[in-house]
Amino acid sequence: MAHPVDEYVGKRVRQRRWMVGFSQQQLGEAVGIKFQQIQKYETGMNRISASRLWDIAETLSVPITFFFEGYDDKTLKMDAPSDKSGGKGDLLADKEALDLVRSYYAIPEAQRRKLFDLARVLSEAA
């Protein structure tokens, strides 16, 4: 059985990989391992060594602490996924939200700012 920390770190690796648009194959090649190993890391099946996590963090352009952010060590669980009743949940666990964020950052900065302002106005009107 996978340790909850390993599962959490693996999910954060997957989230960041999606956000930057890497496939498992691309990430594996960049850090010198097979994509199957990335799959095992992302599910928490295999633990990620400190040196490998360092390589992954450098490749994905985040500090190592990124992979532990939001982890609640008291309950050993991540936030529950969002439900239809308006619960907050973990937005980065939602592939659609990650796709939206990736697309948003692909927009030129001036247009992105206008889109952000529009989204803010629409959310306040809802």
Protein backbone atom coordinates (compact mmCIF):
# COMPACT_ATOMS: atom_id res chain seq x y z
CA MET A 1 0.00 0.00 0.00
CA ALA A 2 1.36 3.41 -0.98
CA HIS A 3 2.13 5.95 1.71
CA PRO A 4 -0.15 9.02 1.58
CA VAL A 5 2.84 11.36 1.20
CA ASP A 6 4.08 9.40 -1.83
CA GLU A 7 0.61 9.58 -3.39
CA TYR A 8 0.37 13.31 -2.73
CA VAL A 9 3.81 14.08 -4.16
CA GLY A 10 2.99 11.93 -7.19
CA LYS A 11 -0.24 13.84 -7.79
CA ARG A 12 1.64 17.12 -7.56
CA VAL A 13 4.18 15.84 -10.11
CA ARG A 14 1.31 14.94 -12.46
CA GLN A 15 -0.39 18.31 -11.91
CA ARG A 16 2.74 20.26 -12.70
CA ARG A 17 3.56 18.03 -15.67
CA TRP A 18 0.10 18.70 -17.12
CA MET A 19 0.40 22.41 -16.40
CA VAL A 20 3.62 22.76 -18.38
CA GLY A 21 2.32 20.47 -21.13
CA PHE A 22 4.76 17.57 -20.75
CA SER A 23 3.83 13.99 -21.50
CA GLN A 24 5.06 11.24 -19.19
CA GLN A 25 7.44 10.27 -21.99
CA GLN A 26 8.90 13.79 -22.23
CA LEU A 27 9.38 14.10 -18.48
CA GLY A 28 10.96 10.67 -18.28
CA GLU A 29 13.41 11.47 -21.07
CA ALA A 30 14.29 14.81 -19.46
CA VAL A 31 15.21 13.17 -16.15
CA GLY A 32 16.69 10.00 -17.67
CA ILE A 33 14.08 7.37 -16.84
CA LYS A 34 11.32 5.46 -18.66
CA PHE A 35 7.79 6.85 -18.79
CA GLN A 36 6.57 3.78 -16.88
CA GLN A 37 8.57 4.97 -13.90
CA ILE A 38 6.89 8.38 -14.13
CA GLN A 39 3.54 6.54 -14.09
CA LYS A 40 4.55 4.71 -10.92
CA TYR A 41 5.70 7.95 -9.29
CA GLU A 42 2.47 9.73 -10.18
CA THR A 43 0.30 7.03 -8.61
CA GLY A 44 2.48 6.79 -5.52
CA MET A 45 3.25 3.16 -6.32
CA ASN A 46 6.98 3.97 -6.23
CA ARG A 47 8.62 6.51 -3.97
CA ILE A 48 10.62 9.30 -5.54
CA SER A 49 14.15 9.62 -4.19
CA ALA A 50 15.39 13.04 -3.12
CA SER A 51 17.80 13.31 -6.06
CA ARG A 52 15.12 12.26 -8.57
CA LEU A 53 12.63 14.73 -7.06
CA TRP A 54 15.32 17.39 -7.44
CA ASP A 55 15.70 16.52 -11.13
CA ILE A 56 11.93 16.54 -11.66
CA ALA A 57 11.59 19.91 -9.90
CA GLU A 58 14.32 21.43 -12.07
CA THR A 59 12.79 20.00 -15.24
CA LEU A 60 9.32 21.30 -14.33
CA SER A 61 10.71 24.68 -13.15
CA VAL A 62 9.41 24.56 -9.59
CA PRO A 63 11.06 24.44 -6.17
CA ILE A 64 10.99 21.04 -4.46
CA THR A 65 8.62 22.48 -1.88
CA PHE A 66 5.98 22.73 -4.63
CA PHE A 67 5.39 18.98 -4.37
CA PHE A 68 4.48 19.24 -0.68
CA GLU A 69 2.43 22.45 -0.73
CA GLY A 70 -1.10 21.98 0.54
CA TYR A 71 -0.37 18.68 2.25
CA ASP A 72 -2.11 18.35 5.59
CA ASP A 73 0.17 16.26 7.76
CA LYS A 74 -2.37 16.06 10.57
CA THR A 75 -4.94 14.02 8.67
CA LEU A 76 -2.54 12.50 6.09
CA LYS A 77 -5.02 13.38 3.37
CA MET A 78 -5.35 15.91 0.59
CA ASP A 79 -8.34 18.18 0.31
CA ALA A 80 -11.43 16.31 -0.79
CA PRO A 81 -12.31 16.69 -4.46
CA SER A 82 -14.79 19.35 -5.33
CA ASP A 83 -18.42 18.34 -5.28
CA LYS A 84 -21.41 19.75 -7.11
CA SER A 85 -22.62 21.56 -3.99
CA GLY A 86 -19.92 24.18 -4.36
CA GLY A 87 -17.20 22.61 -2.22
CA LYS A 88 -13.75 24.06 -2.78
CA GLY A 89 -11.73 20.87 -3.28
CA ASP A 90 -8.37 20.64 -5.02
CA LEU A 91 -8.67 22.45 -8.34
CA LEU A 92 -5.26 21.26 -9.48
CA ALA A 93 -6.51 17.68 -9.30
CA ASP A 94 -9.02 18.50 -12.05
CA LYS A 95 -7.58 17.99 -15.54
CA GLU A 96 -10.03 20.49 -17.03
CA ALA A 97 -8.85 23.17 -14.59
CA LEU A 98 -5.23 22.41 -15.47
CA ASP A 99 -6.01 22.63 -19.19
CA LEU A 100 -7.68 25.97 -18.59
CA VAL A 101 -4.67 27.30 -16.66
CA ARG A 102 -2.27 26.08 -19.35
CA SER A 103 -4.36 27.73 -22.07
CA TYR A 104 -4.63 30.93 -20.04
CA TYR A 105 -0.85 31.26 -19.73
CA ALA A 106 -0.44 30.64 -23.47
CA ILE A 107 -2.30 33.91 -24.15
CA PRO A 108 -0.13 37.04 -24.54
CA GLU A 109 0.09 39.00 -21.28
CA ALA A 110 -1.93 42.06 -22.33
CA GLN A 111 -4.81 39.93 -23.60
CA ARG A 112 -4.52 37.62 -20.59
CA ARG A 113 -5.00 40.59 -18.24
CA LYS A 114 -8.18 41.61 -20.08
CA LEU A 115 -9.47 38.04 -19.93
CA PHE A 116 -8.73 37.93 -16.21
CA ASP A 117 -10.66 41.17 -15.64
CA LEU A 118 -13.59 39.81 -17.67
CA ALA A 119 -13.62 36.58 -15.64
CA ARG A 120 -13.57 38.54 -12.39
CA VAL A 121 -16.53 40.68 -13.48
CA LEU A 122 -18.50 37.61 -14.61
CA SER A 123 -17.83 35.77 -11.35
CA GLU A 124 -18.98 38.75 -9.30
CA ALA A 125 -22.19 38.95 -11.37
CA ALA A 126 -22.98 35.25 -10.87
